[in-house]
Amino acid sequence: MTGGSGFLGSHVVEALRRRGAGEVIVPRSAEFDLTDPQATRAMFARHAPDVVMHLAAKVGGIGANRKHPGTFFRDNMAMGLHVLEEARRAGTRKVVVAGTICAYPKFAPVPFREDDLWNGYPEETNAPYGVAKKAILVMAQAYRQEFGSNFVVVFPVNLYGPRDNFDLEASHVIPAMIRKFIDADARGERTVTLWGDGSPTREFLYVDDCAEGLVLAAERYDDPDPVNLGAGFEISMRDLAAHIARLTGYTGDIVWDANRPNGQPRRMLDVTRARERFGFTAATSFDTGLQKTIAWYRENRLALAAQEAATSR
């Protein structure tokens, strides 16, 4: 499992072990740099995997995507290219690739259906990341057509949950809001500033549900068509902020900085295909998932702050 020590990957490893899966190998980037074709080939030669779950990715929120568009395109494209090519060369039985909702067109009809992937260009701030992931879908389908490779691609919606990235320089919206509200309350601050005008909508999938969807795809799905993984709802950023503020106990003011980008106007997936083709339905309510994520951040807040301080030295 590439990316198996990351946020999503660590939860997929746990899901596999709960099922009593065989040996689950989690190669580390320090040993096998997947942006390097020779290192990727060495990884396949050493481990000879039967199934690969390719979850490794260079990811981040709007700020990180705006700051590193070239890096995000290059690294995600290179990792997917090398993993699929070496899986083909090694005769790996199956590869499951995690795509991204950022691959969808900026103005895709809501809910996003898999057939709409090619009906426009992605939202500009994360287009390089989204286009790289979409290109990997093309490669997976082309290799299936030419070489008979069983490569499957799923497109998860925005994820959240325990062990998410709470670094404000690179985090996504839910961990960023949780951190800002809890930290402001701890410091006695009465104002929190958030990006955009609060109007965009998003859909969120609890990380354990996504892990279950990926495992189900590995077990039951062998078709070339991409499949959405989501929870089937949307919420505006303004309503999300108010909800997280209530759950964290923050009672101060929320200020929206409209000079900062909103990102894509709306995001919500049609999740019919995942239900029909391999029986996936999200099981965790949004409140339950948020409460677990908030509790994890409270328990680990000081350790995360110390880790950030040590890294910045």
C-alpha atoms as a PDB file:
ATOM      1  CA  MET A   1       0.000   0.000   0.000  1.00  0.00           C
ATOM      2  CA  THR A   2       1.625   3.214  -1.136  1.00  0.00           C
ATOM      3  CA  GLY A   3       0.854   6.085   1.210  1.00  0.00           C
ATOM      4  CA  GLY A   4      -0.007   3.562   3.898  1.00  0.00           C
ATOM      5  CA  SER A   5       1.518   5.657   6.673  1.00  0.00           C
ATOM      6  CA  GLY A   6      -0.500   8.743   5.702  1.00  0.00           C
ATOM      7  CA  PHE A   7      -3.896   9.946   6.846  1.00  0.00           C
ATOM      8  CA  LEU A   8      -6.113   7.824   4.603  1.00  0.00           C
ATOM      9  CA  GLY A   9      -3.606   5.000   4.204  1.00  0.00           C
ATOM     10  CA  SER A  10      -3.280   4.357   7.929  1.00  0.00           C
ATOM     11  CA  HIS A  11      -7.043   3.870   8.174  1.00  0.00           C
ATOM     12  CA  VAL A  12      -7.065   1.528   5.159  1.00  0.00           C
ATOM     13  CA  VAL A  13      -4.320  -0.557   6.784  1.00  0.00           C
ATOM     14  CA  GLU A  14      -6.509  -0.862   9.890  1.00  0.00           C
ATOM     15  CA  ALA A  15      -9.530  -1.838   7.769  1.00  0.00           C
ATOM     16  CA  LEU A  16      -7.520  -4.555   6.025  1.00  0.00           C
ATOM     17  CA  ARG A  17      -6.195  -5.948   9.297  1.00  0.00           C
ATOM     18  CA  ARG A  18      -9.701  -6.019  10.783  1.00  0.00           C
ATOM     19  CA  ARG A  19     -10.647  -8.236   7.830  1.00  0.00           C
ATOM     20  CA  GLY A  20      -7.756 -10.580   8.515  1.00  0.00           C
ATOM     21  CA  ALA A  21      -5.987  -9.681   5.288  1.00  0.00           C
ATOM     22  CA  GLY A  22      -2.659 -11.319   4.556  1.00  0.00           C
ATOM     23  CA  GLU A  23       0.615  -9.430   4.725  1.00  0.00           C
ATOM     24  CA  VAL A  24       0.042  -5.675   4.356  1.00  0.00           C
ATOM     25  CA  ILE A  25       3.240  -3.966   3.199  1.00  0.00           C
ATOM     26  CA  VAL A  26       3.617  -0.227   3.732  1.00  0.00           C
ATOM     27  CA  PRO A  27       6.755   0.986   1.917  1.00  0.00           C
ATOM     28  CA  ARG A  28       8.158   4.299   3.144  1.00  0.00           C
ATOM     29  CA  SER A  29       9.065   7.184   0.863  1.00  0.00           C
ATOM     30  CA  ALA A  30      12.474   7.478   2.512  1.00  0.00           C
ATOM     31  CA  GLU A  31      13.295   4.026   1.124  1.00  0.00           C
ATOM     32  CA  PHE A  32      11.293   4.047  -2.128  1.00  0.00           C
ATOM     33  CA  ASP A  33      10.731   7.429  -3.753  1.00  0.00           C
ATOM     34  CA  LEU A  34       7.826   6.754  -6.113  1.00  0.00           C
ATOM     35  CA  THR A  35       8.620   9.833  -8.191  1.00  0.00           C
ATOM     36  CA  ASP A  36      11.778   7.927  -9.230  1.00  0.00           C
ATOM     37  CA  PRO A  37      11.138   5.102 -11.727  1.00  0.00           C
ATOM     38  CA  GLN A  38      14.123   3.055 -10.567  1.00  0.00           C
ATOM     39  CA  ALA A  39      13.082   3.258  -6.928  1.00  0.00           C
ATOM     40  CA  THR A  40       9.541   2.224  -7.862  1.00  0.00           C
ATOM     41  CA  ARG A  41      10.875  -0.737  -9.821  1.00  0.00           C
ATOM     42  CA  ALA A  42      13.004  -1.730  -6.829  1.00  0.00           C
ATOM     43  CA  MET A  43       9.932  -1.636  -4.585  1.00  0.00           C
ATOM     44  CA  PHE A  44       8.030  -4.024  -6.844  1.00  0.00           C
ATOM     45  CA  ALA A  45      11.062  -6.286  -7.150  1.00  0.00           C
ATOM     46  CA  ARG A  46      11.498  -6.515  -3.392  1.00  0.00           C
ATOM     47  CA  HIS A  47       7.870  -7.035  -2.372  1.00  0.00           C
ATOM     48  CA  ALA A  48       6.262  -8.679  -5.461  1.00  0.00           C
ATOM     49  CA  PRO A  49       2.771  -7.549  -4.395  1.00  0.00           C
ATOM     50  CA  ASP A  50      -0.358  -9.441  -5.379  1.00  0.00           C
ATOM     51  CA  VAL A  51      -2.559  -6.321  -5.009  1.00  0.00           C
ATOM     52  CA  VAL A  52      -1.479  -2.692  -4.844  1.00  0.00           C
ATOM     53  CA  MET A  53      -3.529   0.110  -3.318  1.00  0.00           C
ATOM     54  CA  HIS A  54      -2.002   3.343  -4.593  1.00  0.00           C
ATOM     55  CA  LEU A  55      -2.854   6.051  -2.061  1.00  0.00           C
ATOM     56  CA  ALA A  56       0.408   8.015  -2.033  1.00  0.00           C
ATOM     57  CA  ALA A  57      -0.183  11.617  -3.096  1.00  0.00           C
ATOM     58  CA  LYS A  58       1.050  15.159  -2.700  1.00  0.00           C
ATOM     59  CA  VAL A  59      -2.016  16.899  -1.276  1.00  0.00           C
ATOM     60  CA  GLY A  60      -3.104  20.053   0.516  1.00  0.00           C
ATOM     61  CA  GLY A  61      -5.773  22.721   0.794  1.00  0.00           C
ATOM     62  CA  ILE A  62      -6.332  25.751  -1.421  1.00  0.00           C
ATOM     63  CA  GLY A  63      -3.289  27.581  -0.048  1.00  0.00           C
ATOM     64  CA  ALA A  64      -0.918  24.677  -0.650  1.00  0.00           C
ATOM     65  CA  ASN A  65      -2.306  24.097  -4.150  1.00  0.00           C
ATOM     66  CA  ARG A  66      -1.824  27.767  -5.064  1.00  0.00           C
ATOM     67  CA  LYS A  67       1.707  27.790  -3.690  1.00  0.00           C
ATOM     68  CA  HIS A  68       2.930  24.533  -5.263  1.00  0.00           C
ATOM     69  CA  PRO A  69       0.929  23.847  -8.467  1.00  0.00           C
ATOM     70  CA  GLY A  70       3.919  22.539 -10.398  1.00  0.00           C
ATOM     71  CA  THR A  71       5.069  20.280  -7.577  1.00  0.00           C
ATOM     72  CA  PHE A  72       1.572  18.898  -7.080  1.00  0.00           C
ATOM     73  CA  PHE A  73       1.213  18.078 -10.781  1.00  0.00           C
ATOM     74  CA  ARG A  74       4.719  16.647 -11.181  1.00  0.00           C
ATOM     75  CA  ASP A  75       4.780  14.445  -8.093  1.00  0.00           C
ATOM     76  CA  ASN A  76       1.254  13.051  -8.414  1.00  0.00           C
ATOM     77  CA  MET A  77       1.661  12.397 -12.123  1.00  0.00           C
ATOM     78  CA  ALA A  78       5.060  10.757 -11.636  1.00  0.00           C
ATOM     79  CA  MET A  79       3.923   8.506  -8.794  1.00  0.00           C
ATOM     80  CA  GLY A  80       0.884   7.254 -10.693  1.00  0.00           C
ATOM     81  CA  LEU A  81       2.850   6.765 -13.901  1.00  0.00           C
ATOM     82  CA  HIS A  82       5.586   4.739 -12.226  1.00  0.00           C
ATOM     83  CA  VAL A  83       3.315   2.630 -10.012  1.00  0.00           C
ATOM     84  CA  LEU A  84       1.053   1.575 -12.890  1.00  0.00           C
ATOM     85  CA  GLU A  85       3.939   0.887 -15.249  1.00  0.00           C
ATOM     86  CA  GLU A  86       5.821  -1.229 -12.723  1.00  0.00           C
ATOM     87  CA  ALA A  87       2.636  -3.068 -11.739  1.00  0.00           C
ATOM     88  CA  ARG A  88       2.180  -3.928 -15.424  1.00  0.00           C
ATOM     89  CA  ARG A  89       5.787  -5.084 -15.749  1.00  0.00           C
ATOM     90  CA  ALA A  90       5.557  -7.178 -12.585  1.00  0.00           C
ATOM     91  CA  GLY A  91       2.230  -8.779 -13.525  1.00  0.00           C
ATOM     92  CA  THR A  92       0.529  -7.469 -10.384  1.00  0.00           C
ATOM     93  CA  ARG A  93      -2.960  -8.959 -10.203  1.00  0.00           C
ATOM     94  CA  LYS A  94      -4.785  -5.719  -9.336  1.00  0.00           C
ATOM     95  CA  VAL A  95      -4.172  -2.057  -8.567  1.00  0.00           C
ATOM     96  CA  VAL A  96      -6.705   0.224  -6.857  1.00  0.00           C
ATOM     97  CA  VAL A  97      -5.920   3.925  -7.311  1.00  0.00           C
ATOM     98  CA  ALA A  98      -7.349   6.731  -5.172  1.00  0.00           C
ATOM     99  CA  GLY A  99      -8.240   9.673  -7.405  1.00  0.00           C
ATOM    100  CA  THR A 100      -9.661  13.002  -6.265  1.00  0.00           C
ATOM    101  CA  ILE A 101     -12.841  15.039  -6.526  1.00  0.00           C
ATOM    102  CA  CYS A 102     -10.563  17.889  -7.693  1.00  0.00           C
ATOM    103  CA  ALA A 103     -10.529  16.173 -11.093  1.00  0.00           C
ATOM    104  CA  TYR A 104     -14.131  17.229 -11.776  1.00  0.00           C
ATOM    105  CA  PRO A 105     -14.931  20.312 -13.895  1.00  0.00           C
ATOM    106  CA  LYS A 106     -15.332  23.557 -11.973  1.00  0.00           C
ATOM    107  CA  PHE A 107     -18.983  23.850 -12.991  1.00  0.00           C
ATOM    108  CA  ALA A 108     -19.968  20.193 -13.153  1.00  0.00           C
ATOM    109  CA  PRO A 109     -23.713  19.606 -12.608  1.00  0.00           C
ATOM    110  CA  VAL A 110     -24.517  18.714  -9.006  1.00  0.00           C
ATOM    111  CA  PRO A 111     -24.446  15.917  -7.973  1.00  0.00           C
ATOM    112  CA  PHE A 112     -21.220  15.077  -9.821  1.00  0.00           C
ATOM    113  CA  ARG A 113     -21.625  11.942 -11.921  1.00  0.00           C
ATOM    114  CA  GLU A 114     -18.656   9.977 -13.146  1.00  0.00           C
ATOM    115  CA  ASP A 115     -19.671  10.598 -16.755  1.00  0.00           C
ATOM    116  CA  ASP A 116     -19.163  14.356 -16.187  1.00  0.00           C
ATOM    117  CA  LEU A 117     -15.419  14.058 -15.521  1.00  0.00           C
ATOM    118  CA  TRP A 118     -14.503  15.282 -18.995  1.00  0.00           C
ATOM    119  CA  ASN A 119     -17.139  17.995 -19.434  1.00  0.00           C
ATOM    120  CA  GLY A 120     -14.928  20.946 -18.467  1.00  0.00           C
ATOM    121  CA  TYR A 121     -11.723  22.101 -16.794  1.00  0.00           C
ATOM    122  CA  PRO A 122     -11.206  21.728 -13.020  1.00  0.00           C
ATOM    123  CA  GLU A 123     -11.344  24.650 -10.593  1.00  0.00           C
ATOM    124  CA  GLU A 124      -8.190  26.692 -11.170  1.00  0.00           C
ATOM    125  CA  THR A 125      -6.634  26.625  -7.696  1.00  0.00           C
ATOM    126  CA  ASN A 126      -6.347  22.832  -7.635  1.00  0.00           C
ATOM    127  CA  ALA A 127      -6.454  22.036 -11.367  1.00  0.00           C
ATOM    128  CA  PRO A 128      -2.825  20.786 -11.602  1.00  0.00           C
ATOM    129  CA  TYR A 129      -3.477  18.209  -8.880  1.00  0.00           C
ATOM    130  CA  GLY A 130      -6.855  17.245 -10.348  1.00  0.00           C
ATOM    131  CA  VAL A 131      -5.575  16.954 -13.923  1.00  0.00           C
ATOM    132  CA  ALA A 132      -2.681  14.743 -12.802  1.00  0.00           C
ATOM    133  CA  LYS A 133      -5.085  12.374 -11.079  1.00  0.00           C
ATOM    134  CA  LYS A 134      -7.417  12.383 -14.088  1.00  0.00           C
ATOM    135  CA  ALA A 135      -4.490  11.512 -16.356  1.00  0.00           C
ATOM    136  CA  ILE A 136      -3.789   8.487 -14.175  1.00  0.00           C
ATOM    137  CA  LEU A 137      -7.361   7.338 -14.843  1.00  0.00           C
ATOM    138  CA  VAL A 138      -6.633   7.576 -18.585  1.00  0.00           C
ATOM    139  CA  MET A 139      -3.462   5.542 -18.129  1.00  0.00           C
ATOM    140  CA  ALA A 140      -5.286   2.892 -16.092  1.00  0.00           C
ATOM    141  CA  GLN A 141      -7.951   2.509 -18.767  1.00  0.00           C
ATOM    142  CA  ALA A 142      -5.402   2.505 -21.601  1.00  0.00           C
ATOM    143  CA  TYR A 143      -3.293  -0.176 -19.899  1.00  0.00           C
ATOM    144  CA  ARG A 144      -6.397  -2.277 -19.336  1.00  0.00           C
ATOM    145  CA  GLN A 145      -7.219  -1.976 -23.056  1.00  0.00           C
ATOM    146  CA  GLU A 146      -3.707  -2.721 -24.328  1.00  0.00           C
ATOM    147  CA  PHE A 147      -2.251  -5.025 -21.690  1.00  0.00           C
ATOM    148  CA  GLY A 148      -5.283  -6.410 -19.844  1.00  0.00           C
ATOM    149  CA  SER A 149      -4.180  -4.773 -16.575  1.00  0.00           C
ATOM    150  CA  ASN A 150      -6.793  -4.833 -13.821  1.00  0.00           C
ATOM    151  CA  PHE A 151      -6.434  -1.207 -12.728  1.00  0.00           C
ATOM    152  CA  VAL A 152      -9.372   0.336 -10.829  1.00  0.00           C
ATOM    153  CA  VAL A 153      -9.759   4.043 -10.012  1.00  0.00           C
ATOM    154  CA  VAL A 154     -12.069   5.501  -7.350  1.00  0.00           C
ATOM    155  CA  PHE A 155     -12.706   9.183  -6.684  1.00  0.00           C
ATOM    156  CA  PRO A 156     -13.199  10.012  -2.986  1.00  0.00           C
ATOM    157  CA  VAL A 157     -14.827  13.271  -1.964  1.00  0.00           C
ATOM    158  CA  ASN A 158     -13.210  15.537   0.680  1.00  0.00           C
ATOM    159  CA  LEU A 159     -12.081  13.436   3.647  1.00  0.00           C
ATOM    160  CA  TYR A 160     -11.863  14.202   7.360  1.00  0.00           C
ATOM    161  CA  GLY A 161     -11.256  12.314  10.586  1.00  0.00           C
ATOM    162  CA  PRO A 162      -8.711  11.474  13.292  1.00  0.00           C
ATOM    163  CA  ARG A 163      -5.052  11.796  12.247  1.00  0.00           C
ATOM    164  CA  ASP A 164      -5.896  14.366   9.555  1.00  0.00           C
ATOM    165  CA  ASN A 165      -3.370  17.104   8.757  1.00  0.00           C
ATOM    166  CA  PHE A 166      -3.947  20.035  11.131  1.00  0.00           C
ATOM    167  CA  ASP A 167      -1.048  22.153   9.857  1.00  0.00           C
ATOM    168  CA  LEU A 168      -2.696  25.406   8.742  1.00  0.00           C
ATOM    169  CA  GLU A 169      -0.194  25.787   5.895  1.00  0.00           C
ATOM    170  CA  ALA A 170      -1.376  22.594   4.220  1.00  0.00           C
ATOM    171  CA  SER A 171      -4.600  21.400   5.875  1.00  0.00           C
ATOM    172  CA  HIS A 172      -8.030  20.999   4.341  1.00  0.00           C
ATOM    173  CA  VAL A 173     -11.056  22.901   5.561  1.00  0.00           C
ATOM    174  CA  ILE A 174     -12.399  20.756   8.424  1.00  0.00           C
ATOM    175  CA  PRO A 175      -9.112  20.311  10.332  1.00  0.00           C
ATOM    176  CA  ALA A 176      -8.306  23.984   9.683  1.00  0.00           C
ATOM    177  CA  MET A 177     -11.602  25.131  11.180  1.00  0.00           C
ATOM    178  CA  ILE A 178     -11.316  22.771  14.151  1.00  0.00           C
ATOM    179  CA  ARG A 179      -7.830  24.004  14.928  1.00  0.00           C
ATOM    180  CA  LYS A 180      -8.668  27.682  14.516  1.00  0.00           C
ATOM    181  CA  PHE A 181     -11.701  27.491  16.794  1.00  0.00           C
ATOM    182  CA  ILE A 182     -10.088  25.394  19.527  1.00  0.00           C
ATOM    183  CA  ASP A 183      -6.829  27.359  19.504  1.00  0.00           C
ATOM    184  CA  ALA A 184      -8.634  30.701  19.524  1.00  0.00           C
ATOM    185  CA  ASP A 185     -10.725  29.596  22.486  1.00  0.00           C
ATOM    186  CA  ALA A 186      -7.612  28.394  24.325  1.00  0.00           C
ATOM    187  CA  ARG A 187      -5.937  31.782  23.782  1.00  0.00           C
ATOM    188  CA  GLY A 188      -9.027  33.756  24.742  1.00  0.00           C
ATOM    189  CA  GLU A 189      -9.365  35.240  21.257  1.00  0.00           C
ATOM    190  CA  ARG A 190     -12.826  36.357  20.151  1.00  0.00           C
ATOM    191  CA  THR A 191     -12.378  36.416  16.370  1.00  0.00           C
ATOM    192  CA  VAL A 192     -11.521  33.727  13.835  1.00  0.00           C
ATOM    193  CA  THR A 193     -10.937  34.592  10.178  1.00  0.00           C
ATOM    194  CA  LEU A 194     -11.795  32.066   7.468  1.00  0.00           C
ATOM    195  CA  TRP A 195     -11.091  32.099   3.727  1.00  0.00           C
ATOM    196  CA  GLY A 196     -13.648  33.122   1.108  1.00  0.00           C
ATOM    197  CA  ASP A 197     -17.189  34.380   1.558  1.00  0.00           C
ATOM    198  CA  GLY A 198     -18.710  31.203   3.031  1.00  0.00           C
ATOM    199  CA  SER A 199     -20.921  30.435   0.032  1.00  0.00           C
ATOM    200  CA  PRO A 200     -19.221  27.363  -1.537  1.00  0.00           C
ATOM    201  CA  THR A 201     -20.624  23.956  -0.668  1.00  0.00           C
ATOM    202  CA  ARG A 202     -18.731  20.763   0.016  1.00  0.00           C
ATOM    203  CA  GLU A 203     -19.432  17.124   0.708  1.00  0.00           C
ATOM    204  CA  PHE A 204     -17.390  15.277   3.327  1.00  0.00           C
ATOM    205  CA  LEU A 205     -16.662  11.595   3.850  1.00  0.00           C
ATOM    206  CA  TYR A 206     -15.400  10.212   7.150  1.00  0.00           C
ATOM    207  CA  VAL A 207     -12.018   8.590   6.655  1.00  0.00           C
ATOM    208  CA  ASP A 208     -13.040   5.162   7.989  1.00  0.00           C
ATOM    209  CA  ASP A 209     -15.924   5.076   5.528  1.00  0.00           C
ATOM    210  CA  CYS A 210     -13.541   5.897   2.681  1.00  0.00           C
ATOM    211  CA  ALA A 211     -11.206   3.129   3.846  1.00  0.00           C
ATOM    212  CA  GLU A 212     -14.103   0.693   3.746  1.00  0.00           C
ATOM    213  CA  GLY A 213     -14.993   1.830   0.228  1.00  0.00           C
ATOM    214  CA  LEU A 214     -11.448   1.284  -0.999  1.00  0.00           C
ATOM    215  CA  VAL A 215     -11.292  -2.189   0.519  1.00  0.00           C
ATOM    216  CA  LEU A 216     -14.648  -3.094  -1.035  1.00  0.00           C
ATOM    217  CA  ALA A 217     -13.360  -1.911  -4.416  1.00  0.00           C
ATOM    218  CA  ALA A 218     -10.294  -4.108  -3.980  1.00  0.00           C
ATOM    219  CA  GLU A 219     -12.465  -7.096  -3.081  1.00  0.00           C
ATOM    220  CA  ARG A 220     -15.392  -6.715  -5.482  1.00  0.00           C
ATOM    221  CA  TYR A 221     -14.765  -4.269  -8.331  1.00  0.00           C
ATOM    222  CA  ASP A 222     -12.907  -5.080 -11.542  1.00  0.00           C
ATOM    223  CA  ASP A 223     -14.339  -2.703 -14.148  1.00  0.00           C
ATOM    224  CA  PRO A 224     -12.654   0.175 -16.037  1.00  0.00           C
ATOM    225  CA  ASP A 225     -15.215   2.824 -15.081  1.00  0.00           C
ATOM    226  CA  PRO A 226     -14.236   5.325 -12.343  1.00  0.00           C
ATOM    227  CA  VAL A 227     -16.363   5.260  -9.200  1.00  0.00           C
ATOM    228  CA  ASN A 228     -17.221   8.075  -6.774  1.00  0.00           C
ATOM    229  CA  LEU A 229     -16.870   7.511  -3.033  1.00  0.00           C
ATOM    230  CA  GLY A 230     -18.922   9.940  -0.982  1.00  0.00           C
ATOM    231  CA  ALA A 231     -21.632  10.434   1.606  1.00  0.00           C
ATOM    232  CA  GLY A 232     -24.218  12.044  -0.675  1.00  0.00           C
ATOM    233  CA  PHE A 233     -24.802  15.428   0.992  1.00  0.00           C
ATOM    234  CA  GLU A 234     -23.508  19.006   0.736  1.00  0.00           C
ATOM    235  CA  ILE A 235     -23.086  21.808   3.255  1.00  0.00           C
ATOM    236  CA  SER A 236     -22.052  25.433   2.763  1.00  0.00           C
ATOM    237  CA  MET A 237     -18.812  26.678   4.276  1.00  0.00           C
ATOM    238  CA  ARG A 238     -20.772  29.203   6.337  1.00  0.00           C
ATOM    239  CA  ASP A 239     -22.998  26.482   7.812  1.00  0.00           C
ATOM    240  CA  LEU A 240     -20.010  24.188   8.316  1.00  0.00           C
ATOM    241  CA  ALA A 241     -18.147  26.867  10.256  1.00  0.00           C
ATOM    242  CA  ALA A 242     -21.146  27.557  12.478  1.00  0.00           C
ATOM    243  CA  HIS A 243     -21.609  23.841  13.114  1.00  0.00           C
ATOM    244  CA  ILE A 244     -17.963  23.187  13.996  1.00  0.00           C
ATOM    245  CA  ALA A 245     -17.933  26.289  16.205  1.00  0.00           C
ATOM    246  CA  ARG A 246     -20.869  24.859  18.175  1.00  0.00           C
ATOM    247  CA  LEU A 247     -19.267  21.431  18.506  1.00  0.00           C
ATOM    248  CA  THR A 248     -15.942  22.888  19.679  1.00  0.00           C
ATOM    249  CA  GLY A 249     -17.609  25.367  22.052  1.00  0.00           C
ATOM    250  CA  TYR A 250     -16.274  28.436  20.275  1.00  0.00           C
ATOM    251  CA  THR A 251     -18.611  31.418  20.832  1.00  0.00           C
ATOM    252  CA  GLY A 252     -16.616  34.264  19.286  1.00  0.00           C
ATOM    253  CA  ASP A 253     -17.051  35.978  15.934  1.00  0.00           C
ATOM    254  CA  ILE A 254     -16.383  34.375  12.555  1.00  0.00           C
ATOM    255  CA  VAL A 255     -15.043  36.760   9.901  1.00  0.00           C
ATOM    256  CA  TRP A 256     -14.949  35.821   6.218  1.00  0.00           C
ATOM    257  CA  ASP A 257     -12.040  37.135   4.159  1.00  0.00           C
ATOM    258  CA  ALA A 258     -13.571  37.521   0.696  1.00  0.00           C
ATOM    259  CA  ASN A 259     -10.156  38.501  -0.703  1.00  0.00           C
ATOM    260  CA  ARG A 260      -9.162  34.858  -0.306  1.00  0.00           C
ATOM    261  CA  PRO A 261     -10.315  32.310  -2.905  1.00  0.00           C
ATOM    262  CA  ASN A 262     -13.513  30.333  -2.478  1.00  0.00           C
ATOM    263  CA  GLY A 263     -12.399  27.373  -4.562  1.00  0.00           C
ATOM    264  CA  GLN A 264     -14.973  25.367  -6.499  1.00  0.00           C
ATOM    265  CA  PRO A 265     -18.516  26.783  -6.098  1.00  0.00           C
ATOM    266  CA  ARG A 266     -20.211  23.473  -5.277  1.00  0.00           C
ATOM    267  CA  ARG A 267     -19.164  19.888  -4.617  1.00  0.00           C
ATOM    268  CA  MET A 268     -21.398  16.908  -4.117  1.00  0.00           C
ATOM    269  CA  LEU A 269     -21.095  13.443  -5.624  1.00  0.00           C
ATOM    270  CA  ASP A 270     -23.604  11.049  -7.086  1.00  0.00           C
ATOM    271  CA  VAL A 271     -22.756   7.875  -5.165  1.00  0.00           C
ATOM    272  CA  THR A 272     -25.091   5.493  -7.002  1.00  0.00           C
ATOM    273  CA  ARG A 273     -22.358   3.623  -8.860  1.00  0.00           C
ATOM    274  CA  ALA A 274     -20.428   2.649  -5.705  1.00  0.00           C
ATOM    275  CA  ARG A 275     -23.603   1.336  -4.081  1.00  0.00           C
ATOM    276  CA  GLU A 276     -24.706  -0.618  -7.123  1.00  0.00           C
ATOM    277  CA  ARG A 277     -21.375  -2.045  -8.226  1.00  0.00           C
ATOM    278  CA  PHE A 278     -19.703  -3.015  -4.949  1.00  0.00           C
ATOM    279  CA  GLY A 279     -22.167  -2.297  -2.157  1.00  0.00           C
ATOM    280  CA  PHE A 280     -20.606   0.804  -0.629  1.00  0.00           C
ATOM    281  CA  THR A 281     -22.676   3.211   1.477  1.00  0.00           C
ATOM    282  CA  ALA A 282     -21.193   5.676   3.970  1.00  0.00           C
ATOM    283  CA  ALA A 283     -22.076   4.590   7.505  1.00  0.00           C
ATOM    284  CA  THR A 284     -20.807   7.423   9.759  1.00  0.00           C
ATOM    285  CA  SER A 285     -23.077  10.391  10.449  1.00  0.00           C
ATOM    286  CA  PHE A 286     -21.513  13.816   9.953  1.00  0.00           C
ATOM    287  CA  ASP A 287     -21.956  14.781  13.619  1.00  0.00           C
ATOM    288  CA  THR A 288     -20.359  11.545  14.825  1.00  0.00           C
ATOM    289  CA  GLY A 289     -17.404  11.963  12.476  1.00  0.00           C
ATOM    290  CA  LEU A 290     -16.877  15.592  13.480  1.00  0.00           C
ATOM    291  CA  GLN A 291     -17.047  14.779  17.176  1.00  0.00           C
ATOM    292  CA  LYS A 292     -14.437  12.033  16.793  1.00  0.00           C
ATOM    293  CA  THR A 293     -12.174  14.359  14.799  1.00  0.00           C
ATOM    294  CA  ILE A 294     -12.515  17.177  17.347  1.00  0.00           C
ATOM    295  CA  ALA A 295     -11.799  14.779  20.218  1.00  0.00           C
ATOM    296  CA  TRP A 296      -8.669  13.511  18.460  1.00  0.00           C
ATOM    297  CA  TYR A 297      -7.359  17.043  17.928  1.00  0.00           C
ATOM    298  CA  ARG A 298      -7.975  17.976  21.565  1.00  0.00           C
ATOM    299  CA  GLU A 299      -6.084  14.888  22.716  1.00  0.00           C
ATOM    300  CA  ASN A 300      -3.137  15.509  20.384  1.00  0.00           C
ATOM    301  CA  ARG A 301      -3.052  19.319  20.175  1.00  0.00           C
ATOM    302  CA  LEU A 302      -0.005  19.892  22.350  1.00  0.00           C
ATOM    303  CA  ALA A 303       1.983  17.087  20.744  1.00  0.00           C
ATOM    304  CA  LEU A 304       1.204  18.447  17.272  1.00  0.00           C
ATOM    305  CA  ALA A 305       2.278  21.945  18.320  1.00  0.00           C
ATOM    306  CA  ALA A 306       5.563  20.598  19.704  1.00  0.00           C
ATOM    307  CA  GLN A 307       6.154  18.628  16.492  1.00  0.00           C
ATOM    308  CA  GLU A 308       5.566  21.749  14.365  1.00  0.00           C
ATOM    309  CA  ALA A 309       7.921  23.786  16.525  1.00  0.00           C
ATOM    310  CA  ALA A 310      10.646  21.174  16.209  1.00  0.00           C
ATOM    311  CA  THR A 311      10.195  20.979  12.435  1.00  0.00           C
ATOM    312  CA  SER A 312      10.431  24.766  12.005  1.00  0.00           C
ATOM    313  CA  ARG A 313      13.767  25.044  13.795  1.00  0.00           C
END
